[in-house]
Amino acid sequence: MTLGTEALAVDGVLLIAEHGNYPKSETGNTIYPKRRFWEEILAVFEQSGRAVPVFVDKHLADNWEDARFIYDTANQWKAPLMAGSSLPTTWRKPAADVARDAQLGEMVGLTFHTTDAYGFHALEFMQALAEQRTGGETGIVAVQSAAGEEVWQALEQGRFDRALFDEAWSRLTNPPDPARLRALVANPRLFTIEYADGLESHLLELNGAVNEWSAAWRYHADQRIESSLFWTQEGRPAMHFTWLLNGIEQMMLTGRPSWNVERTLYTSGVLDALLLSLKNGGQRIETPYLNLPYQPVWRWKEPPPPPPMRPWAAP
């Protein structure tokens, strides 16, 4: 950050901590050294008497205490701060977004892979949808996880909107027959988020049947459903990262965040609480600390068509 001098000599900082072998927490979250890296950044700010914009890759931290510390100290330094996933900014098939200031009734999303890694990406695009609703973000009061047979019971008993599930399912590129879910998915997981304004968001992790991200949402006024696939270019040049990087670059150039860091403060806290709920056998975890209202400064825009895709590595 000082380029060999005695003071800050860069216009912005990227905090990326995932390239290494790190332990897991008791709840299964990877313990990245984000707070340590952040405190080293703060030390240079202190030494130099000024701050520059910082982007934190993916979640702010693997636990709420560290995530809130990073958020609060950035505010104290008046350091422009962004974080998060590439999923909110990527292509949506079809192009769709929650109508600004519309009241939502319920949301259902599909995810895959590991909860702490790919599940975080899903929480990000779900929150990017939710924040567009009437009132902006007003807070999250509780979360709850379910696993195994309880997930199938939730599906059969209608604990979430089956029509929304079917709509999100239909957006997958090659969706298998839903009747085969039990046979395909050995360890299903369901994550429920309860918002302060009554909105409920449900995210299903269905490894073995799902290898993409999608979501569907229902409007309260007319019960209309919208849905989309959140498409990523799984090969070179992985163009979906471009739109994330464009937002970061704009912050570095202007000193103004391209989207609210509060979105990722929420998703960091939600992931931490959902993993705790999972560890505790599906306990409902109240989240009074996720009470940070914000109005989104960002709105999704459809990117240009992706370039031709090449394999990750030559044969």
C-alpha atoms as a PDB file:
ATOM      1  CA  MET A   1       0.000   0.000   0.000  1.00  0.00           C
ATOM      2  CA  THR A   2       2.942   2.380   0.538  1.00  0.00           C
ATOM      3  CA  LEU A   3       4.949   1.211  -2.503  1.00  0.00           C
ATOM      4  CA  GLY A   4       8.099   1.295  -0.429  1.00  0.00           C
ATOM      5  CA  THR A   5       7.504   4.775   0.983  1.00  0.00           C
ATOM      6  CA  GLU A   6       6.439   5.927   4.431  1.00  0.00           C
ATOM      7  CA  ALA A   7       2.822   6.679   3.523  1.00  0.00           C
ATOM      8  CA  LEU A   8      -0.198   5.459   1.595  1.00  0.00           C
ATOM      9  CA  ALA A   9       0.621   5.558  -2.123  1.00  0.00           C
ATOM     10  CA  VAL A  10      -2.324   3.818  -3.829  1.00  0.00           C
ATOM     11  CA  ASP A  11      -5.798   4.945  -4.882  1.00  0.00           C
ATOM     12  CA  GLY A  12      -7.617   1.857  -3.657  1.00  0.00           C
ATOM     13  CA  VAL A  13      -7.226  -1.530  -1.988  1.00  0.00           C
ATOM     14  CA  LEU A  14      -8.548  -5.000  -2.848  1.00  0.00           C
ATOM     15  CA  LEU A  15      -8.823  -7.275   0.189  1.00  0.00           C
ATOM     16  CA  ILE A  16      -8.879 -10.839  -1.163  1.00  0.00           C
ATOM     17  CA  ALA A  17      -8.213 -13.540   1.404  1.00  0.00           C
ATOM     18  CA  GLU A  18      -9.371 -16.818  -0.107  1.00  0.00           C
ATOM     19  CA  HIS A  19      -6.139 -18.020  -1.728  1.00  0.00           C
ATOM     20  CA  GLY A  20      -4.727 -20.257   0.960  1.00  0.00           C
ATOM     21  CA  ASN A  21      -5.461 -23.209   3.207  1.00  0.00           C
ATOM     22  CA  TYR A  22      -7.581 -21.982   6.096  1.00  0.00           C
ATOM     23  CA  PRO A  23      -9.349 -23.810   8.929  1.00  0.00           C
ATOM     24  CA  LYS A  24     -13.087 -24.137   9.375  1.00  0.00           C
ATOM     25  CA  SER A  25     -15.069 -22.674  12.253  1.00  0.00           C
ATOM     26  CA  GLU A  26     -17.278 -24.836  14.483  1.00  0.00           C
ATOM     27  CA  THR A  27     -20.210 -24.013  12.203  1.00  0.00           C
ATOM     28  CA  GLY A  28     -18.389 -24.883   8.981  1.00  0.00           C
ATOM     29  CA  ASN A  29     -17.479 -21.396   7.814  1.00  0.00           C
ATOM     30  CA  THR A  30     -13.985 -20.985   6.378  1.00  0.00           C
ATOM     31  CA  ILE A  31     -11.952 -18.728   8.673  1.00  0.00           C
ATOM     32  CA  TYR A  32     -10.328 -16.282   6.281  1.00  0.00           C
ATOM     33  CA  PRO A  33      -7.898 -13.740   7.792  1.00  0.00           C
ATOM     34  CA  LYS A  34     -10.021 -10.797   6.719  1.00  0.00           C
ATOM     35  CA  ARG A  35      -9.976  -8.946  10.011  1.00  0.00           C
ATOM     36  CA  ARG A  36      -6.186  -9.280  10.249  1.00  0.00           C
ATOM     37  CA  PHE A  37      -5.760  -7.981   6.711  1.00  0.00           C
ATOM     38  CA  TRP A  38      -8.229  -5.184   7.462  1.00  0.00           C
ATOM     39  CA  GLU A  39      -6.357  -4.135  10.587  1.00  0.00           C
ATOM     40  CA  GLU A  40      -3.148  -3.980   8.538  1.00  0.00           C
ATOM     41  CA  ILE A  41      -4.943  -1.701   6.075  1.00  0.00           C
ATOM     42  CA  LEU A  42      -6.165   0.467   8.960  1.00  0.00           C
ATOM     43  CA  ALA A  43      -2.606   0.730  10.273  1.00  0.00           C
ATOM     44  CA  VAL A  44      -1.507   2.275   6.970  1.00  0.00           C
ATOM     45  CA  PHE A  45      -4.494   4.644   7.044  1.00  0.00           C
ATOM     46  CA  GLU A  46      -3.484   5.659  10.562  1.00  0.00           C
ATOM     47  CA  GLN A  47       0.154   6.107   9.585  1.00  0.00           C
ATOM     48  CA  SER A  48      -0.827   8.233   6.587  1.00  0.00           C
ATOM     49  CA  GLY A  49      -3.689  10.170   8.122  1.00  0.00           C
ATOM     50  CA  ARG A  50      -6.054   9.380   5.269  1.00  0.00           C
ATOM     51  CA  ALA A  51      -8.070   6.537   3.758  1.00  0.00           C
ATOM     52  CA  VAL A  52      -8.815   5.270   0.253  1.00  0.00           C
ATOM     53  CA  PRO A  53     -11.611   3.038  -1.099  1.00  0.00           C
ATOM     54  CA  VAL A  54     -11.494  -0.660  -0.178  1.00  0.00           C
ATOM     55  CA  PHE A  55     -13.219  -3.643  -1.763  1.00  0.00           C
ATOM     56  CA  VAL A  56     -13.540  -6.804   0.350  1.00  0.00           C
ATOM     57  CA  ASP A  57     -13.986  -9.922  -1.772  1.00  0.00           C
ATOM     58  CA  LYS A  58     -17.200 -11.836  -1.043  1.00  0.00           C
ATOM     59  CA  HIS A  59     -18.390 -11.579   2.596  1.00  0.00           C
ATOM     60  CA  LEU A  60     -16.954  -8.972   4.936  1.00  0.00           C
ATOM     61  CA  ALA A  61     -15.875 -11.698   7.362  1.00  0.00           C
ATOM     62  CA  ASP A  62     -16.782 -15.234   8.409  1.00  0.00           C
ATOM     63  CA  ASN A  63     -18.445 -14.045  11.635  1.00  0.00           C
ATOM     64  CA  TRP A  64     -20.706 -11.165  12.611  1.00  0.00           C
ATOM     65  CA  GLU A  65     -18.332  -9.556  15.114  1.00  0.00           C
ATOM     66  CA  ASP A  66     -15.551  -9.128  12.559  1.00  0.00           C
ATOM     67  CA  ALA A  67     -17.937  -8.097   9.769  1.00  0.00           C
ATOM     68  CA  ARG A  68     -19.440  -5.353  11.935  1.00  0.00           C
ATOM     69  CA  PHE A  69     -15.963  -4.243  13.062  1.00  0.00           C
ATOM     70  CA  ILE A  70     -14.861  -3.797   9.445  1.00  0.00           C
ATOM     71  CA  TYR A  71     -18.060  -1.895   8.618  1.00  0.00           C
ATOM     72  CA  ASP A  72     -17.849   0.377  11.662  1.00  0.00           C
ATOM     73  CA  THR A  73     -14.171   1.222  11.329  1.00  0.00           C
ATOM     74  CA  ALA A  74     -14.603   1.985   7.628  1.00  0.00           C
ATOM     75  CA  ASN A  75     -17.319   4.454   8.607  1.00  0.00           C
ATOM     76  CA  GLN A  76     -15.074   5.966  11.268  1.00  0.00           C
ATOM     77  CA  TRP A  77     -12.390   6.549   8.654  1.00  0.00           C
ATOM     78  CA  LYS A  78     -14.958   7.648   6.068  1.00  0.00           C
ATOM     79  CA  ALA A  79     -13.346   5.061   3.803  1.00  0.00           C
ATOM     80  CA  PRO A  80     -15.540   4.115   0.824  1.00  0.00           C
ATOM     81  CA  LEU A  81     -16.236   0.406   1.281  1.00  0.00           C
ATOM     82  CA  MET A  82     -17.695  -2.259  -0.974  1.00  0.00           C
ATOM     83  CA  ALA A  83     -17.870  -6.034  -0.763  1.00  0.00           C
ATOM     84  CA  GLY A  84     -19.766  -8.954  -2.170  1.00  0.00           C
ATOM     85  CA  SER A  85     -20.355 -11.393  -4.987  1.00  0.00           C
ATOM     86  CA  SER A  86     -20.406 -11.187  -8.774  1.00  0.00           C
ATOM     87  CA  LEU A  87     -23.853 -12.811  -8.864  1.00  0.00           C
ATOM     88  CA  PRO A  88     -26.008  -9.678  -8.384  1.00  0.00           C
ATOM     89  CA  THR A  89     -24.414  -7.999 -11.419  1.00  0.00           C
ATOM     90  CA  THR A  90     -24.256 -10.976 -13.783  1.00  0.00           C
ATOM     91  CA  TRP A  91     -26.602 -11.940 -16.620  1.00  0.00           C
ATOM     92  CA  ARG A  92     -30.165 -12.881 -15.769  1.00  0.00           C
ATOM     93  CA  LYS A  93     -32.071 -15.227 -18.044  1.00  0.00           C
ATOM     94  CA  PRO A  94     -34.580 -13.825 -18.691  1.00  0.00           C
ATOM     95  CA  ALA A  95     -33.698 -10.233 -17.808  1.00  0.00           C
ATOM     96  CA  ALA A  96     -35.704  -9.532 -14.657  1.00  0.00           C
ATOM     97  CA  ASP A  97     -35.537  -7.632 -11.392  1.00  0.00           C
ATOM     98  CA  VAL A  98     -37.870  -6.854  -8.520  1.00  0.00           C
ATOM     99  CA  ALA A  99     -39.902  -3.789  -9.446  1.00  0.00           C
ATOM    100  CA  ARG A 100     -38.568  -0.834  -7.481  1.00  0.00           C
ATOM    101  CA  ASP A 101     -40.706  -0.039  -4.426  1.00  0.00           C
ATOM    102  CA  ALA A 102     -43.048  -2.987  -5.029  1.00  0.00           C
ATOM    103  CA  GLN A 103     -44.266  -5.031  -2.069  1.00  0.00           C
ATOM    104  CA  LEU A 104     -43.046  -8.621  -2.140  1.00  0.00           C
ATOM    105  CA  GLY A 105     -44.880 -11.583  -0.684  1.00  0.00           C
ATOM    106  CA  GLU A 106     -42.252 -14.341  -0.812  1.00  0.00           C
ATOM    107  CA  MET A 107     -39.013 -15.380  -2.533  1.00  0.00           C
ATOM    108  CA  VAL A 108     -37.553 -18.812  -3.319  1.00  0.00           C
ATOM    109  CA  GLY A 109     -34.024 -19.437  -4.600  1.00  0.00           C
ATOM    110  CA  LEU A 110     -31.939 -22.447  -5.654  1.00  0.00           C
ATOM    111  CA  THR A 111     -28.253 -22.966  -4.919  1.00  0.00           C
ATOM    112  CA  PHE A 112     -25.605 -25.697  -4.876  1.00  0.00           C
ATOM    113  CA  HIS A 113     -22.046 -26.612  -3.811  1.00  0.00           C
ATOM    114  CA  THR A 114     -20.919 -25.628  -0.275  1.00  0.00           C
ATOM    115  CA  THR A 115     -23.055 -23.391   1.914  1.00  0.00           C
ATOM    116  CA  ASP A 116     -20.290 -21.074   3.083  1.00  0.00           C
ATOM    117  CA  ALA A 117     -18.924 -20.511  -0.446  1.00  0.00           C
ATOM    118  CA  TYR A 118     -21.611 -20.832  -3.114  1.00  0.00           C
ATOM    119  CA  GLY A 119     -24.413 -20.395  -0.605  1.00  0.00           C
ATOM    120  CA  PHE A 120     -23.013 -16.954   0.115  1.00  0.00           C
ATOM    121  CA  HIS A 121     -23.301 -16.064  -3.589  1.00  0.00           C
ATOM    122  CA  ALA A 122     -26.964 -17.086  -3.469  1.00  0.00           C
ATOM    123  CA  LEU A 123     -27.601 -14.969  -0.371  1.00  0.00           C
ATOM    124  CA  GLU A 124     -26.092 -12.027  -2.248  1.00  0.00           C
ATOM    125  CA  PHE A 125     -28.387 -12.225  -5.276  1.00  0.00           C
ATOM    126  CA  MET A 126     -31.407 -12.874  -3.066  1.00  0.00           C
ATOM    127  CA  GLN A 127     -30.598  -9.779  -1.007  1.00  0.00           C
ATOM    128  CA  ALA A 128     -29.962  -7.766  -4.192  1.00  0.00           C
ATOM    129  CA  LEU A 129     -33.526  -8.643  -5.196  1.00  0.00           C
ATOM    130  CA  ALA A 130     -35.053  -8.061  -1.766  1.00  0.00           C
ATOM    131  CA  GLU A 131     -33.517  -4.615  -1.274  1.00  0.00           C
ATOM    132  CA  GLN A 132     -35.423  -3.274  -4.288  1.00  0.00           C
ATOM    133  CA  ARG A 133     -38.807  -3.743  -2.597  1.00  0.00           C
ATOM    134  CA  THR A 134     -40.927  -1.045  -1.020  1.00  0.00           C
ATOM    135  CA  GLY A 135     -39.133   0.683   1.836  1.00  0.00           C
ATOM    136  CA  GLY A 136     -35.740  -0.633   0.762  1.00  0.00           C
ATOM    137  CA  GLU A 137     -34.125  -2.854   3.371  1.00  0.00           C
ATOM    138  CA  THR A 138     -35.750  -2.621   6.799  1.00  0.00           C
ATOM    139  CA  GLY A 139     -34.060  -5.461   8.641  1.00  0.00           C
ATOM    140  CA  ILE A 140     -33.985  -9.211   9.238  1.00  0.00           C
ATOM    141  CA  VAL A 141     -35.501 -10.547  12.455  1.00  0.00           C
ATOM    142  CA  ALA A 142     -34.582 -14.253  12.314  1.00  0.00           C
ATOM    143  CA  VAL A 143     -33.170 -17.089  10.215  1.00  0.00           C
ATOM    144  CA  GLN A 144     -33.570 -20.857  10.343  1.00  0.00           C
ATOM    145  CA  SER A 145     -31.910 -23.813   8.621  1.00  0.00           C
ATOM    146  CA  ALA A 146     -33.239 -27.288   7.900  1.00  0.00           C
ATOM    147  CA  ALA A 147     -31.508 -30.374   6.550  1.00  0.00           C
ATOM    148  CA  GLY A 148     -32.292 -33.882   5.363  1.00  0.00           C
ATOM    149  CA  GLU A 149     -35.803 -35.275   5.666  1.00  0.00           C
ATOM    150  CA  GLU A 150     -37.089 -32.024   7.145  1.00  0.00           C
ATOM    151  CA  VAL A 151     -36.463 -30.313   3.797  1.00  0.00           C
ATOM    152  CA  TRP A 152     -38.633 -32.830   1.939  1.00  0.00           C
ATOM    153  CA  GLN A 153     -41.338 -32.402   4.567  1.00  0.00           C
ATOM    154  CA  ALA A 154     -41.179 -28.631   4.127  1.00  0.00           C
ATOM    155  CA  LEU A 155     -41.606 -29.093   0.380  1.00  0.00           C
ATOM    156  CA  GLU A 156     -44.524 -31.500   0.755  1.00  0.00           C
ATOM    157  CA  GLN A 157     -46.258 -29.518   3.513  1.00  0.00           C
ATOM    158  CA  GLY A 158     -46.048 -26.172   1.741  1.00  0.00           C
ATOM    159  CA  ARG A 159     -43.783 -24.385   4.219  1.00  0.00           C
ATOM    160  CA  PHE A 160     -42.673 -22.329   1.252  1.00  0.00           C
ATOM    161  CA  ASP A 161     -44.488 -21.417  -1.957  1.00  0.00           C
ATOM    162  CA  ARG A 162     -44.359 -24.462  -4.256  1.00  0.00           C
ATOM    163  CA  ALA A 163     -45.308 -22.357  -7.272  1.00  0.00           C
ATOM    164  CA  LEU A 164     -42.227 -20.205  -6.678  1.00  0.00           C
ATOM    165  CA  PHE A 165     -40.072 -23.306  -6.341  1.00  0.00           C
ATOM    166  CA  ASP A 166     -41.423 -24.679  -9.614  1.00  0.00           C
ATOM    167  CA  GLU A 167     -40.818 -21.359 -11.349  1.00  0.00           C
ATOM    168  CA  ALA A 168     -37.224 -21.119 -10.099  1.00  0.00           C
ATOM    169  CA  TRP A 169     -36.737 -24.773 -11.095  1.00  0.00           C
ATOM    170  CA  SER A 170     -37.974 -24.070 -14.616  1.00  0.00           C
ATOM    171  CA  ARG A 171     -35.211 -21.484 -15.102  1.00  0.00           C
ATOM    172  CA  LEU A 172     -32.435 -24.071 -14.769  1.00  0.00           C
ATOM    173  CA  THR A 173     -30.735 -24.887 -18.063  1.00  0.00           C
ATOM    174  CA  ASN A 174     -31.368 -28.645 -17.855  1.00  0.00           C
ATOM    175  CA  PRO A 175     -33.636 -29.247 -14.875  1.00  0.00           C
ATOM    176  CA  PRO A 176     -34.152 -32.894 -13.931  1.00  0.00           C
ATOM    177  CA  ASP A 177     -37.613 -34.214 -13.156  1.00  0.00           C
ATOM    178  CA  PRO A 178     -38.561 -32.793  -9.711  1.00  0.00           C
ATOM    179  CA  ALA A 179     -40.132 -36.160  -8.922  1.00  0.00           C
ATOM    180  CA  ARG A 180     -36.580 -37.555  -8.726  1.00  0.00           C
ATOM    181  CA  LEU A 181     -35.357 -35.047  -6.135  1.00  0.00           C
ATOM    182  CA  ARG A 182     -35.196 -37.522  -3.263  1.00  0.00           C
ATOM    183  CA  ALA A 183     -33.165 -39.929  -5.367  1.00  0.00           C
ATOM    184  CA  LEU A 184     -30.805 -37.263  -6.682  1.00  0.00           C
ATOM    185  CA  VAL A 185     -30.159 -35.173  -3.567  1.00  0.00           C
ATOM    186  CA  ALA A 186     -28.559 -36.939  -0.610  1.00  0.00           C
ATOM    187  CA  ASN A 187     -28.227 -33.954   1.712  1.00  0.00           C
ATOM    188  CA  PRO A 188     -30.780 -31.225   0.985  1.00  0.00           C
ATOM    189  CA  ARG A 189     -30.698 -27.978   2.929  1.00  0.00           C
ATOM    190  CA  LEU A 190     -33.280 -25.222   3.339  1.00  0.00           C
ATOM    191  CA  PHE A 191     -32.468 -21.736   4.588  1.00  0.00           C
ATOM    192  CA  THR A 192     -35.265 -19.381   5.629  1.00  0.00           C
ATOM    193  CA  ILE A 193     -34.866 -15.653   6.221  1.00  0.00           C
ATOM    194  CA  GLU A 194     -37.569 -13.647   8.010  1.00  0.00           C
ATOM    195  CA  TYR A 195     -37.583  -9.926   7.260  1.00  0.00           C
ATOM    196  CA  ALA A 196     -38.918  -7.221   9.565  1.00  0.00           C
ATOM    197  CA  ASP A 197     -41.642  -6.222   7.080  1.00  0.00           C
ATOM    198  CA  GLY A 198     -43.020  -9.771   6.817  1.00  0.00           C
ATOM    199  CA  LEU A 199     -41.204 -10.904   3.676  1.00  0.00           C
ATOM    200  CA  GLU A 200     -39.877 -14.466   3.783  1.00  0.00           C
ATOM    201  CA  SER A 201     -37.017 -15.700   1.629  1.00  0.00           C
ATOM    202  CA  HIS A 202     -36.283 -19.413   1.195  1.00  0.00           C
ATOM    203  CA  LEU A 203     -33.096 -20.813  -0.305  1.00  0.00           C
ATOM    204  CA  LEU A 204     -32.740 -24.506  -1.175  1.00  0.00           C
ATOM    205  CA  GLU A 205     -29.336 -26.168  -1.546  1.00  0.00           C
ATOM    206  CA  LEU A 206     -29.885 -29.241  -3.723  1.00  0.00           C
ATOM    207  CA  ASN A 207     -26.552 -30.779  -4.653  1.00  0.00           C
ATOM    208  CA  GLY A 208     -26.968 -33.638  -7.084  1.00  0.00           C
ATOM    209  CA  ALA A 209     -29.893 -32.002  -8.863  1.00  0.00           C
ATOM    210  CA  VAL A 210     -28.878 -28.344  -9.154  1.00  0.00           C
ATOM    211  CA  ASN A 211     -25.639 -26.828 -10.437  1.00  0.00           C
ATOM    212  CA  GLU A 212     -26.845 -23.291 -11.194  1.00  0.00           C
ATOM    213  CA  TRP A 213     -28.464 -20.389  -9.352  1.00  0.00           C
ATOM    214  CA  SER A 214     -32.033 -19.215  -9.879  1.00  0.00           C
ATOM    215  CA  ALA A 215     -34.787 -17.409  -8.009  1.00  0.00           C
ATOM    216  CA  ALA A 216     -38.480 -16.580  -8.200  1.00  0.00           C
ATOM    217  CA  TRP A 217     -40.499 -13.972  -6.352  1.00  0.00           C
ATOM    218  CA  ARG A 218     -44.184 -13.161  -5.911  1.00  0.00           C
ATOM    219  CA  TYR A 219     -45.599  -9.640  -5.737  1.00  0.00           C
ATOM    220  CA  HIS A 220     -48.047  -8.962  -2.938  1.00  0.00           C
ATOM    221  CA  ALA A 221     -50.490  -6.729  -4.833  1.00  0.00           C
ATOM    222  CA  ASP A 222     -51.414  -8.916  -7.798  1.00  0.00           C
ATOM    223  CA  GLN A 223     -49.735 -12.225  -6.832  1.00  0.00           C
ATOM    224  CA  ARG A 224     -47.722 -12.060 -10.043  1.00  0.00           C
ATOM    225  CA  ILE A 225     -44.562 -14.211 -10.202  1.00  0.00           C
ATOM    226  CA  GLU A 226     -41.248 -13.302 -11.826  1.00  0.00           C
ATOM    227  CA  SER A 227     -38.114 -15.418 -12.008  1.00  0.00           C
ATOM    228  CA  SER A 228     -34.655 -15.667 -13.508  1.00  0.00           C
ATOM    229  CA  LEU A 229     -31.497 -17.736 -13.843  1.00  0.00           C
ATOM    230  CA  PHE A 230     -28.370 -15.972 -12.571  1.00  0.00           C
ATOM    231  CA  TRP A 231     -25.966 -17.054 -15.291  1.00  0.00           C
ATOM    232  CA  THR A 232     -22.185 -17.211 -14.948  1.00  0.00           C
ATOM    233  CA  GLN A 233     -19.684 -17.921 -17.705  1.00  0.00           C
ATOM    234  CA  GLU A 234     -18.088 -21.119 -16.427  1.00  0.00           C
ATOM    235  CA  GLY A 235     -15.043 -20.958 -18.687  1.00  0.00           C
ATOM    236  CA  ARG A 236     -12.609 -18.395 -20.005  1.00  0.00           C
ATOM    237  CA  PRO A 237     -12.842 -15.416 -19.939  1.00  0.00           C
ATOM    238  CA  ALA A 238     -15.329 -15.761 -17.021  1.00  0.00           C
ATOM    239  CA  MET A 239     -16.903 -12.525 -18.177  1.00  0.00           C
ATOM    240  CA  HIS A 240     -19.375 -12.344 -15.287  1.00  0.00           C
ATOM    241  CA  PHE A 241     -16.569 -10.984 -13.116  1.00  0.00           C
ATOM    242  CA  THR A 242     -16.312  -7.973 -15.431  1.00  0.00           C
ATOM    243  CA  TRP A 243     -19.460  -6.322 -14.085  1.00  0.00           C
ATOM    244  CA  LEU A 244     -18.292  -6.756 -10.504  1.00  0.00           C
ATOM    245  CA  LEU A 245     -14.903  -5.273 -11.399  1.00  0.00           C
ATOM    246  CA  ASN A 246     -16.566  -2.391 -13.204  1.00  0.00           C
ATOM    247  CA  GLY A 247     -18.387  -1.457 -10.009  1.00  0.00           C
ATOM    248  CA  ILE A 248     -15.166  -1.672  -8.000  1.00  0.00           C
ATOM    249  CA  GLU A 249     -13.313   0.468 -10.540  1.00  0.00           C
ATOM    250  CA  GLN A 250     -15.983   3.156 -10.423  1.00  0.00           C
ATOM    251  CA  MET A 251     -15.628   3.370  -6.643  1.00  0.00           C
ATOM    252  CA  MET A 252     -11.855   3.665  -6.923  1.00  0.00           C
ATOM    253  CA  LEU A 253     -12.223   6.483  -9.472  1.00  0.00           C
ATOM    254  CA  THR A 254     -15.036   8.436  -7.820  1.00  0.00           C
ATOM    255  CA  GLY A 255     -14.768   7.611  -4.133  1.00  0.00           C
ATOM    256  CA  ARG A 256     -18.452   6.613  -4.134  1.00  0.00           C
ATOM    257  CA  PRO A 257     -19.513   2.967  -3.633  1.00  0.00           C
ATOM    258  CA  SER A 258     -21.364   1.542  -6.637  1.00  0.00           C
ATOM    259  CA  TRP A 259     -23.719  -0.383  -4.339  1.00  0.00           C
ATOM    260  CA  ASN A 260     -24.445  -0.480  -0.642  1.00  0.00           C
ATOM    261  CA  VAL A 261     -21.932  -2.336   1.492  1.00  0.00           C
ATOM    262  CA  GLU A 262     -24.851  -2.877   3.884  1.00  0.00           C
ATOM    263  CA  ARG A 263     -26.096  -5.557   1.481  1.00  0.00           C
ATOM    264  CA  THR A 264     -23.007  -7.638   2.214  1.00  0.00           C
ATOM    265  CA  LEU A 265     -23.042  -6.736   5.894  1.00  0.00           C
ATOM    266  CA  TYR A 266     -26.477  -8.383   5.948  1.00  0.00           C
ATOM    267  CA  THR A 267     -25.437 -11.439   3.938  1.00  0.00           C
ATOM    268  CA  SER A 268     -22.323 -11.903   6.090  1.00  0.00           C
ATOM    269  CA  GLY A 269     -24.473 -11.875   9.226  1.00  0.00           C
ATOM    270  CA  VAL A 270     -27.146 -14.087   7.688  1.00  0.00           C
ATOM    271  CA  LEU A 271     -24.613 -16.717   6.596  1.00  0.00           C
ATOM    272  CA  ASP A 272     -23.075 -16.760  10.074  1.00  0.00           C
ATOM    273  CA  ALA A 273     -26.507 -17.215  11.691  1.00  0.00           C
ATOM    274  CA  LEU A 274     -27.707 -19.848   9.197  1.00  0.00           C
ATOM    275  CA  LEU A 275     -24.630 -21.981   9.803  1.00  0.00           C
ATOM    276  CA  LEU A 276     -25.173 -21.640  13.555  1.00  0.00           C
ATOM    277  CA  SER A 277     -28.782 -22.757  13.094  1.00  0.00           C
ATOM    278  CA  LEU A 278     -27.603 -25.726  11.044  1.00  0.00           C
ATOM    279  CA  LYS A 279     -25.090 -26.697  13.728  1.00  0.00           C
ATOM    280  CA  ASN A 280     -27.799 -26.427  16.396  1.00  0.00           C
ATOM    281  CA  GLY A 281     -30.192 -28.791  14.654  1.00  0.00           C
ATOM    282  CA  GLY A 282     -32.342 -26.207  12.906  1.00  0.00           C
ATOM    283  CA  GLN A 283     -32.780 -23.788  15.789  1.00  0.00           C
ATOM    284  CA  ARG A 284     -34.472 -20.503  14.858  1.00  0.00           C
ATOM    285  CA  ILE A 285     -31.857 -17.792  15.385  1.00  0.00           C
ATOM    286  CA  GLU A 286     -33.134 -14.302  16.159  1.00  0.00           C
ATOM    287  CA  THR A 287     -31.034 -11.547  14.593  1.00  0.00           C
ATOM    288  CA  PRO A 288     -31.830  -8.208  16.288  1.00  0.00           C
ATOM    289  CA  TYR A 289     -28.421  -6.949  15.179  1.00  0.00           C
ATOM    290  CA  LEU A 290     -29.508  -7.154  11.511  1.00  0.00           C
ATOM    291  CA  ASN A 291     -31.473  -3.952  11.915  1.00  0.00           C
ATOM    292  CA  LEU A 292     -29.654  -1.526   9.639  1.00  0.00           C
ATOM    293  CA  PRO A 293     -32.168   0.022   7.231  1.00  0.00           C
ATOM    294  CA  TYR A 294     -30.807   1.200   3.905  1.00  0.00           C
ATOM    295  CA  GLN A 295     -32.057   2.418   0.551  1.00  0.00           C
ATOM    296  CA  PRO A 296     -30.295   0.799  -2.426  1.00  0.00           C
ATOM    297  CA  VAL A 297     -28.185   3.126  -4.557  1.00  0.00           C
ATOM    298  CA  TRP A 298     -27.781   0.372  -7.162  1.00  0.00           C
ATOM    299  CA  ARG A 299     -30.083  -1.086  -9.782  1.00  0.00           C
ATOM    300  CA  TRP A 300     -29.294  -4.088 -11.970  1.00  0.00           C
ATOM    301  CA  LYS A 301     -28.617  -3.377 -15.652  1.00  0.00           C
ATOM    302  CA  GLU A 302     -28.506  -6.085 -18.279  1.00  0.00           C
ATOM    303  CA  PRO A 303     -24.887  -6.621 -19.430  1.00  0.00           C
ATOM    304  CA  PRO A 304     -23.961  -6.924 -23.112  1.00  0.00           C
ATOM    305  CA  PRO A 305     -23.921 -10.478 -24.516  1.00  0.00           C
ATOM    306  CA  PRO A 306     -21.018 -12.624 -23.284  1.00  0.00           C
ATOM    307  CA  PRO A 307     -18.039 -13.294 -25.554  1.00  0.00           C
ATOM    308  CA  PRO A 308     -17.320 -16.834 -26.820  1.00  0.00           C
ATOM    309  CA  MET A 309     -16.317 -19.194 -24.034  1.00  0.00           C
ATOM    310  CA  ARG A 310     -13.094 -21.222 -23.976  1.00  0.00           C
ATOM    311  CA  PRO A 311     -12.103 -24.068 -21.629  1.00  0.00           C
ATOM    312  CA  TRP A 312     -10.441 -23.158 -18.333  1.00  0.00           C
ATOM    313  CA  ALA A 313      -7.309 -25.006 -19.445  1.00  0.00           C
ATOM    314  CA  ALA A 314      -6.073 -26.206 -22.801  1.00  0.00           C
ATOM    315  CA  PRO A 315      -6.441 -29.988 -23.335  1.00  0.00           C
END
